Protein backbone atom coordinates (compact mmCIF):
# COMPACT_ATOMS: atom_id res chain seq x y z
CA MET A 1 0.00 0.00 0.00
CA ASP A 2 1.30 3.45 -0.98
CA GLY A 3 1.46 5.34 2.30
CA ASN A 4 1.84 8.69 0.54
CA LEU A 5 -1.30 8.31 -1.54
CA PHE A 6 -3.43 10.25 0.95
CA CYS A 7 -1.24 13.28 0.26
CA LYS A 8 -1.18 12.69 -3.46
CA LEU A 9 -4.97 12.52 -3.56
CA ASN A 10 -5.25 15.82 -1.66
CA ILE A 11 -8.55 14.74 -0.12
CA LYS A 12 -9.86 17.12 2.54
CA PRO A 13 -13.10 15.63 3.89
CA LYS A 14 -15.49 17.67 5.96
CA MET A 15 -15.33 16.78 9.64
CA LYS A 16 -18.89 15.48 9.80
CA ARG A 17 -18.06 12.98 7.03
CA ILE A 18 -14.51 12.15 8.02
CA ASN A 19 -15.24 8.62 9.19
CA ILE A 20 -16.98 7.78 5.93
CA TYR A 21 -14.14 9.19 3.87
CA LEU A 22 -11.42 7.52 5.92
CA ALA A 23 -13.12 4.15 5.69
CA LEU A 24 -13.72 4.69 2.00
CA LEU A 25 -10.13 5.65 1.31
CA PHE A 26 -8.84 2.73 3.33
CA PHE A 27 -10.80 0.25 1.28
CA ILE A 28 -9.87 1.92 -1.99
CA LEU A 29 -6.20 1.80 -1.15
CA LEU A 30 -6.48 -1.78 -0.01
CA ALA A 31 -8.23 -2.79 -3.20
CA CYS A 32 -6.05 -0.82 -5.58
CA SER A 33 -2.64 -1.33 -4.02
CA HIS A 34 -2.00 -4.52 -5.97
CA GLU A 35 -2.66 -2.59 -9.18
CA SER A 36 -0.38 0.34 -8.37
CA GLY A 37 2.49 -1.03 -10.41
CA ASN A 38 0.31 -2.64 -13.05
CA LYS A 39 0.59 -1.43 -16.61
CA TYR A 40 -2.55 -2.33 -18.51
CA ASP A 41 -2.20 -3.68 -22.02
CA THR A 42 -4.11 -0.77 -23.55
CA GLN A 43 -3.41 -1.91 -27.11
CA LYS A 44 -5.07 -5.26 -26.41
CA ILE A 45 -8.04 -3.55 -24.74
CA TYR A 46 -8.39 -1.21 -27.73
CA LYS A 47 -8.24 -4.10 -30.20
CA ASN A 48 -10.87 -6.09 -28.29
CA LEU A 49 -13.16 -3.07 -28.04
CA GLU A 50 -12.80 -2.42 -31.74
CA GLY A 51 -13.60 -6.01 -32.66
CA ASP A 52 -16.64 -6.22 -30.40
CA ILE A 53 -18.07 -2.90 -31.58
CA LEU A 54 -17.61 -3.76 -35.24
CA THR A 55 -19.36 -7.10 -34.76
CA ILE A 56 -22.23 -6.00 -32.53
CA SER A 57 -23.03 -2.93 -34.66
CA ALA A 58 -22.56 -4.64 -38.02
CA ASP A 59 -25.28 -4.47 -40.68
CA SER A 60 -25.71 -8.23 -40.28
CA MET A 61 -27.14 -7.56 -36.79
CA LEU A 62 -29.98 -5.60 -38.45
CA GLY A 63 -30.10 -3.00 -35.69
CA ARG A 64 -30.58 -5.55 -32.86
CA ALA A 65 -34.31 -5.07 -32.31
CA PRO A 66 -35.92 -7.48 -29.83
CA PHE A 67 -37.77 -10.50 -31.32
CA THR A 68 -35.77 -10.41 -34.58
CA ILE A 69 -32.96 -12.40 -36.15
CA GLY A 70 -30.80 -9.44 -35.13
CA GLU A 71 -31.51 -10.22 -31.47
CA GLU A 72 -30.62 -13.87 -31.99
CA ARG A 73 -27.31 -12.99 -33.64
CA ALA A 74 -26.34 -10.29 -31.13
CA THR A 75 -27.21 -12.24 -27.99
CA SER A 76 -25.47 -15.36 -29.31
CA TYR A 77 -22.33 -13.34 -29.97
CA ILE A 78 -22.36 -11.73 -26.51
CA ALA A 79 -22.91 -15.07 -24.79
CA GLY A 80 -20.09 -16.56 -26.85
CA ARG A 81 -17.74 -13.79 -25.75
CA MET A 82 -18.71 -14.32 -22.11
CA LYS A 83 -17.93 -18.01 -22.45
CA GLU A 84 -14.64 -17.22 -24.21
CA ILE A 85 -13.64 -14.86 -21.38
CA GLY A 86 -14.42 -17.58 -18.85
CA LEU A 87 -17.48 -16.13 -17.13
CA ASN A 88 -19.88 -18.49 -15.39
CA PRO A 89 -23.44 -18.63 -16.73
CA VAL A 90 -25.80 -16.72 -14.43
CA PHE A 91 -28.99 -18.66 -15.20
CA ASP A 92 -28.16 -22.21 -14.08
CA SER A 93 -26.16 -23.52 -17.04
CA SER A 94 -27.24 -20.76 -19.43
CA TYR A 95 -26.15 -17.22 -20.20
CA PHE A 96 -29.72 -16.41 -21.30
CA GLN A 97 -32.74 -15.28 -19.32
CA ASP A 98 -36.08 -15.33 -21.12
CA VAL A 99 -37.91 -12.04 -20.69
CA PRO A 100 -41.67 -12.39 -21.37
CA MET A 101 -42.98 -9.32 -23.13
CA VAL A 102 -46.18 -8.16 -24.72
CA SER A 103 -46.72 -5.70 -27.53
CA ILE A 104 -49.92 -3.63 -27.30
CA THR A 105 -51.14 -1.47 -30.18
CA SER A 106 -54.01 0.81 -29.18
CA GLU A 107 -56.14 1.65 -32.22
CA LEU A 108 -57.59 5.16 -32.00
CA PRO A 109 -59.78 7.34 -34.21
CA SER A 110 -58.21 10.28 -36.03
CA SER A 111 -59.53 12.72 -33.43
CA ILE A 112 -60.49 12.64 -29.75
CA ASP A 113 -63.73 14.36 -28.71
CA PHE A 114 -64.05 15.79 -25.22
CA LYS A 115 -67.44 16.88 -23.91
CA VAL A 116 -67.28 20.49 -22.66
CA ASN A 117 -70.48 22.26 -21.57
CA GLY A 118 -72.57 19.96 -23.71
CA SER A 119 -70.48 20.49 -26.85
CA ASN A 120 -67.67 18.52 -28.44
CA PHE A 121 -64.11 19.79 -28.25
CA SER A 122 -61.89 17.88 -30.68
CA LEU A 123 -58.15 17.26 -30.66
CA LYS A 124 -56.26 15.57 -33.48
CA VAL A 125 -54.46 12.34 -32.66
CA ASP A 126 -50.69 12.67 -33.22
CA ASP A 127 -50.83 16.43 -33.83
CA ASP A 128 -52.48 17.46 -30.53
CA ILE A 129 -52.76 14.40 -28.34
CA CYS A 130 -51.35 10.90 -28.03
CA LEU A 131 -53.23 8.20 -26.09
CA TRP A 132 -52.84 4.48 -25.48
CA SER A 133 -54.17 1.81 -23.13
CA PRO A 134 -51.67 -0.23 -21.04
CA THR A 135 -53.82 -3.35 -20.77
CA VAL A 136 -54.03 -6.69 -22.58
CA LYS A 137 -57.80 -6.37 -22.75
CA LYS A 138 -58.89 -6.34 -26.39
CA GLU A 139 -61.48 -3.60 -25.83
CA VAL A 140 -61.33 -0.67 -23.41
CA ALA A 141 -64.22 1.71 -22.80
CA ILE A 142 -63.81 5.14 -21.21
CA THR A 143 -67.32 6.32 -20.30
CA ASN A 144 -68.08 9.90 -19.23
CA SER A 145 -64.80 10.12 -17.35
CA PRO A 146 -64.27 13.59 -15.81
CA LEU A 147 -60.96 15.43 -16.26
CA VAL A 148 -59.11 16.82 -13.25
CA PHE A 149 -55.97 18.98 -13.27
CA ALA A 150 -53.71 17.49 -10.56
CA GLY A 151 -50.66 19.76 -10.74
CA PHE A 152 -47.53 17.68 -11.22
CA GLY A 153 -49.22 14.43 -10.19
CA ILE A 154 -46.62 13.96 -7.44
CA ASN A 155 -46.83 12.50 -3.94
CA ALA A 156 -43.40 13.14 -2.35
CA PRO A 157 -43.64 13.18 1.46
CA GLU A 158 -39.92 13.89 1.86
CA TYR A 159 -40.51 17.25 0.14
CA GLY A 160 -43.84 17.89 1.85
CA TRP A 161 -45.55 17.73 -1.55
CA ASN A 162 -48.77 15.88 -2.38
CA ASP A 163 -50.80 16.89 -5.41
CA TYR A 164 -53.31 14.14 -4.59
CA ALA A 165 -54.07 15.29 -1.02
CA ASP A 166 -57.83 15.17 -0.35
CA LEU A 167 -58.44 14.30 -4.00
CA ASP A 168 -60.59 11.35 -5.08
CA VAL A 169 -59.56 10.43 -8.62
CA LYS A 170 -61.42 7.14 -8.97
CA GLY A 171 -63.01 6.97 -12.40
CA LYS A 172 -61.33 10.23 -13.43
CA ILE A 173 -58.58 11.23 -15.85
CA VAL A 174 -55.85 13.36 -14.28
CA VAL A 175 -54.07 15.96 -16.40
CA VAL A 176 -50.60 16.71 -15.00
CA LEU A 177 -47.51 18.79 -15.75
CA VAL A 178 -44.25 17.25 -16.93
CA ASN A 179 -41.08 17.29 -14.77
CA ASP A 180 -41.23 18.44 -11.12
CA PRO A 181 -41.61 21.80 -9.31
CA GLY A 182 -37.85 22.22 -8.84
CA TYR A 183 -37.39 22.77 -12.58
CA TYR A 184 -39.49 25.93 -12.42
CA LEU A 185 -38.52 27.16 -8.95
CA LYS A 186 -34.74 26.78 -9.54
CA ASP A 187 -34.54 26.16 -5.78
CA SER A 188 -32.26 23.25 -4.82
CA SER A 189 -34.10 22.86 -1.51
CA MET A 190 -37.28 22.03 -3.42
CA PHE A 191 -36.80 18.63 -5.01
CA THR A 192 -33.32 19.12 -6.53
CA GLY A 193 -33.82 22.42 -8.26
CA TYR A 194 -33.23 22.42 -12.00
CA ALA A 195 -32.09 18.77 -12.02
CA MET A 196 -34.98 16.38 -12.57
CA THR A 197 -35.89 13.85 -9.88
CA TYR A 198 -37.67 10.57 -10.54
CA TYR A 199 -40.89 12.38 -9.61
CA GLY A 200 -40.51 14.33 -12.84
CA ARG A 201 -40.44 11.30 -15.12
CA TRP A 202 -43.48 10.28 -17.14
CA ARG A 203 -43.23 6.71 -15.90
CA TYR A 204 -43.55 7.85 -12.28
CA LYS A 205 -46.61 9.97 -13.11
CA PHE A 206 -48.39 7.02 -14.72
CA GLU A 207 -47.42 4.76 -11.80
CA GLU A 208 -48.65 7.27 -9.22
CA ALA A 209 -51.93 7.77 -11.05
CA GLU A 210 -52.41 4.00 -10.92
CA ARG A 211 -51.64 3.94 -7.19
CA GLN A 212 -54.11 6.75 -6.58
CA GLY A 213 -56.86 4.89 -8.44
CA ALA A 214 -57.20 7.20 -11.45
CA LEU A 215 -58.80 5.86 -14.61
CA GLY A 216 -56.30 7.71 -16.79
CA CYS A 217 -53.33 10.08 -16.79
CA VAL A 218 -52.40 12.60 -19.49
CA ILE A 219 -49.18 14.65 -19.27
CA VAL A 220 -48.83 18.14 -20.74
CA HIS A 221 -45.75 18.09 -22.98
CA GLU A 222 -43.16 20.87 -23.14
CA ASP A 223 -39.81 20.39 -24.89
CA GLY A 224 -37.60 21.89 -22.15
CA PRO A 225 -38.90 20.17 -19.02
CA ALA A 226 -39.59 16.91 -20.90
CA GLY A 227 -36.09 16.74 -22.35
CA TYR A 228 -37.29 15.72 -25.82
CA PRO A 229 -39.61 17.10 -28.53
CA TRP A 230 -43.23 16.19 -29.20
CA ALA A 231 -42.08 13.91 -32.02
CA VAL A 232 -40.73 11.55 -29.34
CA ALA A 233 -43.54 11.81 -26.80
CA GLY A 234 -46.37 11.89 -29.31
CA SER A 235 -45.44 8.86 -31.39
CA LYS A 236 -47.25 6.11 -29.48
CA SER A 237 -50.83 6.36 -30.75
CA ASN A 238 -51.70 3.48 -33.08
CA SER A 239 -48.16 2.14 -32.61
CA PRO A 240 -46.96 -1.02 -30.82
CA ILE A 241 -45.74 -0.40 -27.27
CA LEU A 242 -43.74 -3.02 -25.39
CA TYR A 243 -44.36 -4.02 -21.77
CA LEU A 244 -43.24 -6.77 -19.47
CA ASP A 245 -45.93 -9.42 -19.63
CA SER A 246 -47.42 -9.44 -16.14
CA LYS A 247 -50.71 -9.83 -14.27
CA GLU A 248 -50.77 -6.06 -13.72
CA LEU A 249 -51.63 -5.64 -17.41
CA GLU A 250 -54.74 -7.81 -17.17
CA ASN A 251 -56.89 -5.25 -15.39
CA PRO A 252 -55.05 -2.07 -14.38
CA THR A 253 -57.01 0.68 -12.67
CA CYS A 254 -55.37 3.30 -14.89
CA LYS A 255 -56.58 2.24 -18.32
CA LEU A 256 -55.49 5.29 -20.28
CA ASN A 257 -52.05 6.92 -20.58
CA GLY A 258 -51.05 9.76 -22.81
CA TRP A 259 -49.54 13.13 -23.67
CA ILE A 260 -51.10 16.39 -24.83
CA THR A 261 -49.23 19.24 -26.52
CA LEU A 262 -48.82 22.53 -24.69
CA SER A 263 -50.85 24.39 -27.32
CA ALA A 264 -53.67 21.83 -27.14
CA ALA A 265 -53.67 22.00 -23.33
CA ARG A 266 -54.02 25.78 -23.49
CA LYS A 267 -56.98 25.42 -25.86
CA LEU A 268 -58.63 22.85 -23.60
CA PHE A 269 -58.22 25.08 -20.56
CA ASP A 270 -59.58 28.07 -22.50
CA GLU A 271 -62.57 25.98 -23.53
CA VAL A 272 -63.47 25.28 -19.88
CA GLY A 273 -62.91 28.91 -18.85
CA LEU A 274 -59.45 28.63 -17.27
CA ASN A 275 -56.13 30.30 -18.08
CA TYR A 276 -53.55 27.53 -18.40
CA ASP A 277 -50.52 29.68 -17.59
CA GLU A 278 -52.12 31.13 -14.47
CA ILE A 279 -53.14 27.66 -13.24
CA LYS A 280 -49.65 26.34 -13.96
CA GLN A 281 -48.09 29.08 -11.82
CA ARG A 282 -50.40 28.13 -8.97
CA ALA A 283 -49.45 24.46 -9.39
CA ILE A 284 -45.79 25.29 -8.67
CA THR A 285 -46.70 26.21 -5.09
CA LYS A 286 -47.39 23.87 -2.17
CA GLU A 287 -50.70 25.64 -1.61
CA PHE A 288 -52.08 24.43 -4.95
CA LYS A 289 -55.39 22.57 -4.91
CA PRO A 290 -56.47 20.33 -7.82
CA LEU A 291 -59.13 21.66 -10.17
CA ALA A 292 -62.01 19.97 -11.96
CA LEU A 293 -61.82 20.88 -15.64
CA ASN A 294 -65.56 20.56 -16.34
CA ALA A 295 -64.77 18.30 -19.26
CA SER A 296 -65.25 14.57 -19.78
CA LEU A 297 -64.18 11.87 -22.20
CA ASN A 298 -65.99 9.02 -23.93
CA LEU A 299 -63.64 6.76 -25.86
CA LYS A 300 -63.51 3.19 -27.10
CA ILE A 301 -60.10 1.66 -27.76
CA ARG A 302 -59.32 -1.62 -29.48
CA ASN A 303 -56.03 -3.22 -28.49
CA LYS A 304 -54.00 -5.55 -30.66
CA VAL A 305 -52.00 -7.80 -28.33
CA GLU A 306 -48.96 -9.91 -29.26
CA ARG A 307 -46.78 -11.87 -26.83
CA SER A 308 -43.17 -12.89 -27.33
CA LEU A 309 -39.91 -13.62 -25.53
CA SER A 310 -36.70 -11.62 -25.60
CA LYS A 311 -33.42 -12.39 -23.83
CA ASN A 312 -31.13 -10.93 -21.22
CA VAL A 313 -27.53 -12.13 -21.41
CA ALA A 314 -25.39 -12.44 -18.28
CA GLY A 315 -22.27 -14.08 -16.91
CA TYR A 316 -20.42 -13.72 -13.62
CA ILE A 317 -17.22 -14.28 -11.68
CA LYS A 318 -17.80 -15.98 -8.35
CA GLY A 319 -16.35 -14.21 -5.33
CA THR A 320 -13.65 -16.00 -3.36
CA GLU A 321 -14.82 -15.04 0.16
CA ASN A 322 -18.32 -13.53 0.04
CA PRO A 323 -19.81 -14.94 -3.17
CA ASP A 324 -23.41 -14.15 -2.21
CA GLU A 325 -22.66 -10.43 -2.32
CA PHE A 326 -22.17 -8.97 -5.78
CA ILE A 327 -21.77 -5.89 -7.94
CA VAL A 328 -23.26 -5.54 -11.42
CA TYR A 329 -22.01 -4.01 -14.65
CA THR A 330 -24.80 -3.33 -17.17
CA ALA A 331 -24.90 -2.35 -20.84
CA HIS A 332 -28.02 -2.99 -22.93
CA TRP A 333 -27.57 -4.85 -26.19
CA ASP A 334 -30.78 -3.79 -27.99
CA HIS A 335 -31.31 -0.97 -30.44
CA LEU A 336 -33.99 0.13 -32.93
CA GLY A 337 -33.70 -2.47 -35.68
CA VAL A 338 -34.57 -1.67 -39.29
CA GLY A 339 -36.64 1.48 -39.72
CA LYS A 340 -37.34 4.55 -41.79
CA PRO A 341 -34.53 5.08 -44.33
CA VAL A 342 -32.31 8.12 -43.94
CA ASN A 343 -30.07 8.87 -46.93
CA GLY A 344 -30.78 5.39 -48.23
CA ASP A 345 -29.80 3.60 -45.00
CA SER A 346 -32.53 1.82 -43.01
CA ILE A 347 -30.38 -0.15 -40.52
CA TYR A 348 -30.11 1.58 -37.16
CA ASN A 349 -26.74 0.11 -36.17
CA GLY A 350 -26.46 1.66 -32.71
CA ALA A 351 -22.66 1.65 -32.48
CA SER A 352 -22.47 4.31 -29.79
CA ASP A 353 -25.86 3.28 -28.41
CA ASN A 354 -25.06 0.73 -27.24
CA ALA A 355 -22.64 -1.69 -28.95
CA ALA A 356 -19.66 0.23 -27.54
CA ALA A 357 -21.00 -0.07 -24.00
CA VAL A 358 -21.40 -3.84 -24.35
CA ALA A 359 -17.80 -3.94 -25.56
CA TRP A 360 -16.80 -1.83 -22.51
CA MET A 361 -18.47 -4.34 -20.20
CA LEU A 362 -16.83 -7.34 -21.87
CA SER A 363 -13.40 -5.72 -21.63
CA ILE A 364 -13.90 -5.06 -17.91
CA ALA A 365 -14.85 -8.72 -17.50
CA GLU A 366 -11.56 -9.69 -19.13
CA LEU A 367 -9.59 -7.51 -16.70
CA TYR A 368 -11.27 -9.19 -13.73
CA GLN A 369 -10.76 -12.64 -15.18
CA ASN A 370 -7.09 -12.03 -15.99
CA SER A 371 -6.22 -10.42 -12.66
CA ALA A 372 -3.93 -12.43 -10.38
CA ILE A 373 -6.10 -11.44 -7.42
CA LYS A 374 -9.71 -12.54 -7.79
CA PRO A 375 -12.54 -10.49 -6.25
CA LYS A 376 -13.79 -11.41 -2.78
CA ARG A 377 -17.35 -10.68 -3.87
CA SER A 378 -19.03 -11.85 -7.05
CA VAL A 379 -19.13 -9.66 -10.16
CA VAL A 380 -22.07 -9.90 -12.58
CA PHE A 381 -22.01 -8.69 -16.19
CA LEU A 382 -25.50 -8.09 -17.57
CA ALA A 383 -26.51 -7.17 -21.12
CA PRO A 384 -30.26 -6.54 -20.78
CA THR A 385 -32.85 -6.38 -23.53
CA ALA A 386 -35.50 -3.75 -24.27
CA GLU A 387 -33.78 -0.72 -22.77
CA GLU A 388 -34.93 1.35 -25.71
CA SER A 389 -38.53 0.27 -25.08
CA GLY A 390 -38.62 1.08 -21.37
CA LEU A 391 -35.76 -0.56 -19.41
CA PHE A 392 -37.72 -3.81 -19.36
CA GLY A 393 -34.81 -6.26 -19.46
CA SER A 394 -33.12 -4.76 -16.42
CA GLU A 395 -36.46 -4.42 -14.64
CA TYR A 396 -37.18 -8.10 -15.21
CA PHE A 397 -33.70 -9.07 -14.00
CA THR A 398 -34.07 -7.14 -10.74
CA LYS A 399 -37.48 -8.71 -10.10
CA ASN A 400 -36.39 -12.21 -11.15
CA CYS A 401 -32.75 -12.19 -10.14
CA PRO A 402 -31.13 -15.63 -9.77
CA PHE A 403 -29.21 -14.12 -6.86
CA ASP A 404 -30.71 -12.36 -3.85
CA ILE A 405 -31.10 -8.80 -5.14
CA SER A 406 -30.78 -7.47 -1.58
CA ASN A 407 -27.15 -8.64 -1.73
CA ALA A 408 -26.43 -6.44 -4.76
CA LEU A 409 -24.01 -3.76 -3.55
CA ALA A 410 -23.66 -1.55 -6.61
CA CYS A 411 -24.62 -1.22 -10.27
CA PHE A 412 -22.41 0.47 -12.88
CA ASN A 413 -24.34 1.20 -16.06
CA TYR A 414 -22.84 2.47 -19.31
CA ASP A 415 -24.82 3.93 -22.20
CA VAL A 416 -24.06 6.16 -25.23
CA VAL A 417 -20.36 6.52 -26.06
CA LEU A 418 -18.52 9.29 -27.90
CA PHE A 419 -15.68 8.05 -30.14
CA ILE A 420 -13.49 11.16 -29.85
CA GLY A 421 -10.45 10.14 -27.81
CA HIS A 422 -9.26 10.74 -24.24
CA PHE A 423 -11.31 12.71 -21.71
CA LYS A 424 -10.14 14.73 -18.74
CA ASP A 425 -13.52 14.49 -17.07
CA VAL A 426 -15.71 11.75 -15.68
CA THR A 427 -19.24 13.10 -15.95
CA VAL A 428 -21.58 11.73 -13.29
CA THR A 429 -25.26 11.80 -14.19
CA GLY A 430 -27.20 11.70 -10.93
CA TYR A 431 -24.36 13.00 -8.77
CA GLY A 432 -25.11 12.98 -5.05
CA HIS A 433 -27.31 9.89 -4.82
CA SER A 434 -24.72 7.71 -3.07
CA ASN A 435 -21.15 7.54 -1.78
CA LEU A 436 -20.18 5.83 -5.03
CA ASP A 437 -19.44 9.39 -6.18
CA SER A 438 -16.71 9.75 -3.55
CA LEU A 439 -15.22 6.42 -4.53
CA LEU A 440 -15.18 7.38 -8.21
CA GLU A 441 -13.61 10.74 -7.43
CA VAL A 442 -10.67 9.17 -5.62
CA VAL A 443 -10.00 6.59 -8.34
CA ALA A 444 -10.44 9.17 -11.11
CA LYS A 445 -7.88 11.41 -9.43
CA ARG A 446 -5.34 8.59 -9.62
CA HIS A 447 -5.79 8.79 -13.40
CA ASN A 448 -5.55 12.61 -13.50
CA ARG A 449 -9.24 12.99 -14.24
CA TYR A 450 -11.83 15.11 -12.47
CA ILE A 451 -15.54 14.73 -11.72
CA ASP A 452 -17.94 16.82 -13.78
CA LEU A 453 -21.72 17.12 -13.57
CA ASP A 454 -24.33 16.37 -16.21
CA PRO A 455 -24.57 19.49 -18.41
CA ASN A 456 -28.33 18.91 -18.85
CA PRO A 457 -29.67 17.61 -15.51
CA GLU A 458 -33.17 18.80 -16.37
CA ASN A 459 -33.42 15.98 -18.94
CA GLY A 460 -33.48 13.35 -16.19
CA MET A 461 -31.03 10.97 -17.88
CA PHE A 462 -30.35 9.32 -14.52
CA TYR A 463 -33.84 7.84 -14.79
CA ARG A 464 -33.67 6.89 -18.47
CA SER A 465 -31.23 3.99 -18.58
CA ASP A 466 -30.74 0.59 -16.98
CA GLN A 467 -29.50 1.82 -13.62
CA LEU A 468 -33.07 2.87 -12.76
CA PRO A 469 -34.53 -0.60 -12.00
CA PHE A 470 -31.54 -1.28 -9.75
CA LEU A 471 -32.08 2.04 -7.96
CA LYS A 472 -35.73 1.15 -7.44
CA ALA A 473 -34.62 -2.24 -6.08
CA GLY A 474 -32.48 -0.45 -3.48
CA VAL A 475 -29.09 -0.84 -5.18
CA PRO A 476 -26.75 2.21 -5.20
CA SER A 477 -26.05 2.79 -8.88
CA MET A 478 -23.82 4.90 -11.07
CA PHE A 479 -24.20 6.31 -14.57
CA ALA A 480 -20.90 7.97 -15.48
CA LYS A 481 -18.37 8.25 -18.31
CA GLY A 482 -15.89 10.51 -20.04
CA TYR A 483 -18.15 13.02 -21.76
CA THR A 484 -17.79 16.81 -21.40
CA HIS A 485 -14.05 17.54 -21.70
CA GLN A 486 -12.14 15.83 -24.48
CA SER A 487 -8.44 16.25 -23.73
CA ASP A 488 -7.48 18.09 -26.93
CA LEU A 489 -10.72 19.88 -27.76
CA GLY A 490 -11.43 21.55 -24.42
CA LYS A 491 -14.88 21.85 -22.85
CA GLU A 492 -16.52 24.31 -25.22
CA LYS A 493 -15.77 22.35 -28.38
CA THR A 494 -16.53 19.06 -26.64
CA LEU A 495 -19.98 20.35 -25.74
CA GLU A 496 -20.44 21.31 -29.39
CA ARG A 497 -19.61 17.72 -30.35
CA ILE A 498 -22.09 16.45 -27.75
CA ASN A 499 -24.86 18.66 -29.13
CA SER A 500 -24.03 17.55 -32.65
CA TYR A 501 -24.24 13.90 -31.59
CA TRP A 502 -27.70 14.28 -30.03
CA GLN A 503 -29.01 16.23 -33.01
CA ASN A 504 -27.42 14.34 -35.89
CA THR A 505 -26.42 10.83 -34.76
CA TYR A 506 -28.51 9.65 -31.80
CA HIS A 507 -31.12 7.06 -32.85
CA LYS A 508 -30.26 7.49 -36.52
CA PRO A 509 -28.82 5.02 -39.06
CA CYS A 510 -25.55 7.00 -39.11
CA ASP A 511 -24.74 5.81 -35.57
CA GLU A 512 -21.97 3.60 -36.94
CA PHE A 513 -18.35 2.87 -36.02
CA ASN A 514 -15.53 3.66 -38.44
CA PRO A 515 -12.13 2.44 -37.18
CA GLU A 516 -10.37 4.76 -39.63
CA LYS A 517 -11.99 7.89 -38.20
CA ASP A 518 -13.25 7.06 -34.72
CA ASN A 519 -11.03 7.04 -31.63
CA LEU A 520 -11.61 4.61 -28.75
CA ASP A 521 -8.90 5.91 -26.39
CA GLY A 522 -11.52 7.39 -24.07
CA LEU A 523 -13.38 4.10 -23.96
CA VAL A 524 -10.16 2.29 -23.04
CA ASP A 525 -9.68 4.78 -20.20
CA ASP A 526 -13.21 4.12 -18.93
CA VAL A 527 -12.68 0.36 -19.05
CA ILE A 528 -9.69 0.72 -16.72
CA LEU A 529 -11.34 3.34 -14.52
CA PHE A 530 -14.53 1.40 -13.86
CA TYR A 531 -12.67 -1.86 -13.42
CA GLU A 532 -10.74 -0.21 -10.58
CA VAL A 533 -13.85 1.42 -9.10
CA GLY A 534 -15.72 -1.88 -9.13
CA ASP A 535 -12.75 -3.80 -7.78
CA ALA A 536 -12.55 -1.35 -4.87
CA ILE A 537 -15.92 -2.79 -3.84
CA ALA A 538 -15.69 -6.38 -5.06
CA GLY A 539 -12.23 -6.79 -3.56
CA THR A 540 -13.01 -5.31 -0.14
CA ASP A 541 -15.68 -5.15 2.55
CA PHE A 542 -16.82 -1.65 1.61
CA LYS A 543 -20.60 -1.28 1.27
CA PRO A 544 -21.96 1.60 -0.83
CA GLU A 545 -24.86 3.58 0.64
CA PHE A 546 -27.48 5.98 -0.66
CA SER A 547 -27.31 9.55 0.53
CA LYS A 548 -30.27 10.63 2.65
CA LYS A 549 -31.34 13.20 0.06
CA SER A 550 -31.80 10.56 -2.64
CA GLU A 551 -35.39 9.56 -3.36
CA PHE A 552 -34.12 5.97 -3.31
CA PHE A 553 -32.81 6.19 0.26
CA ARG A 554 -34.56 3.72 2.55
């Protein structure tokens, strides 16, 4: 152990947290001391990453959509690599876990008619409103269901906020705002200020409406607080939507989900004699009381239901001393398949999203397997399905884990990779949720890198990838990578590259890997970094913990 490393790290913990930091540093040093003189074979790591990315994102994989030949080819390749590395199968003698899923297509008319003061008020499907029914019932009838404006649709006792207080929503459709109050108040003491919490996510709002007994829930869409345009939110009407196949879909209380555009919401409020912007300002305060909208909905929906199986892929290294405890590395294998052609290309290869992350995970597995000192705790490597459809593969794994999920100590998820070389930063999306941040900071400093924060926390990316089901299962989780400060470009130009990626490459056929132009040095760095961070847990007795301010703290 390097006795001078405390000084080199220049860590100055606050007194009230000194015991946590000292214990943390002790375990880090203990875990990493055997690596201090190790020189990683970065050329080999680079070559392996390159080979895996080229294969997983190849045209022959047909975009890796679930239930296609592309899934079969991609999952077979990943399982083969896990076997080649020497990982144990997680699911008895298999690397595969069947994930039962159901596709529901809700067939709607071209317009939706609301009854307002005895007259019809019509909104166009797709242009103004998007609705669907999350049930496997073939026919769903909404009969004279009243509309109620329920603020943000949030019940968060830790913030003293309950939009449903004294509100009976049985048989009613709640109309709610997107995001959470902190986005508008810019007050970090209220929720987390500008950064979105889980309470701001659409999935939470639908879940809470179900818990409250509402018949339906419709969210008012705005680009900024939603984090994506109407083209994303409003694309689900008359389109297949994937779900985990479960009993909850047989007869949910909340039989109608949807989005309404901001302009359409304003028109609806005007029609019932209310000023939308004034009501919205009232909804940002704790004193807000829900309002009946004096409008109702009659609607019949026909659902087309199709069931199928997809696959998670996972292998693991068994711990030498405490094998029942484990950490998890996750990187989803699925992408969008074959879709609408762009410049003559219809295969959505998903090289950065998320073939490169799967390659990252496999390379970390090789470092563990080739290390002379094996981890004391087990290490699981999971490539889940259906992340793009709603994080369903990782959700199924956490609910049907072959290990005791309460023994999961940490999850490290990786998603969306920039092929632009070395990074000085490690950007943490969801910073402050657990003491994993402190652990990462110490290890990053050993590699002359610094911690940066998500440049767009209002988008809620911490709740939009496969770490979320682990968080909900009580597992401290991390979503971090080199991202905002490419070593040669500097921050400003790196952020320009980031914006260009999201506008021009993300979820488009041009998300491909070109070994002649693309640079994987930053990915190599992140392989080494997150191997060391994980090994500082798997190789010690350190137990990560949520911070008390996290909504996942228990």
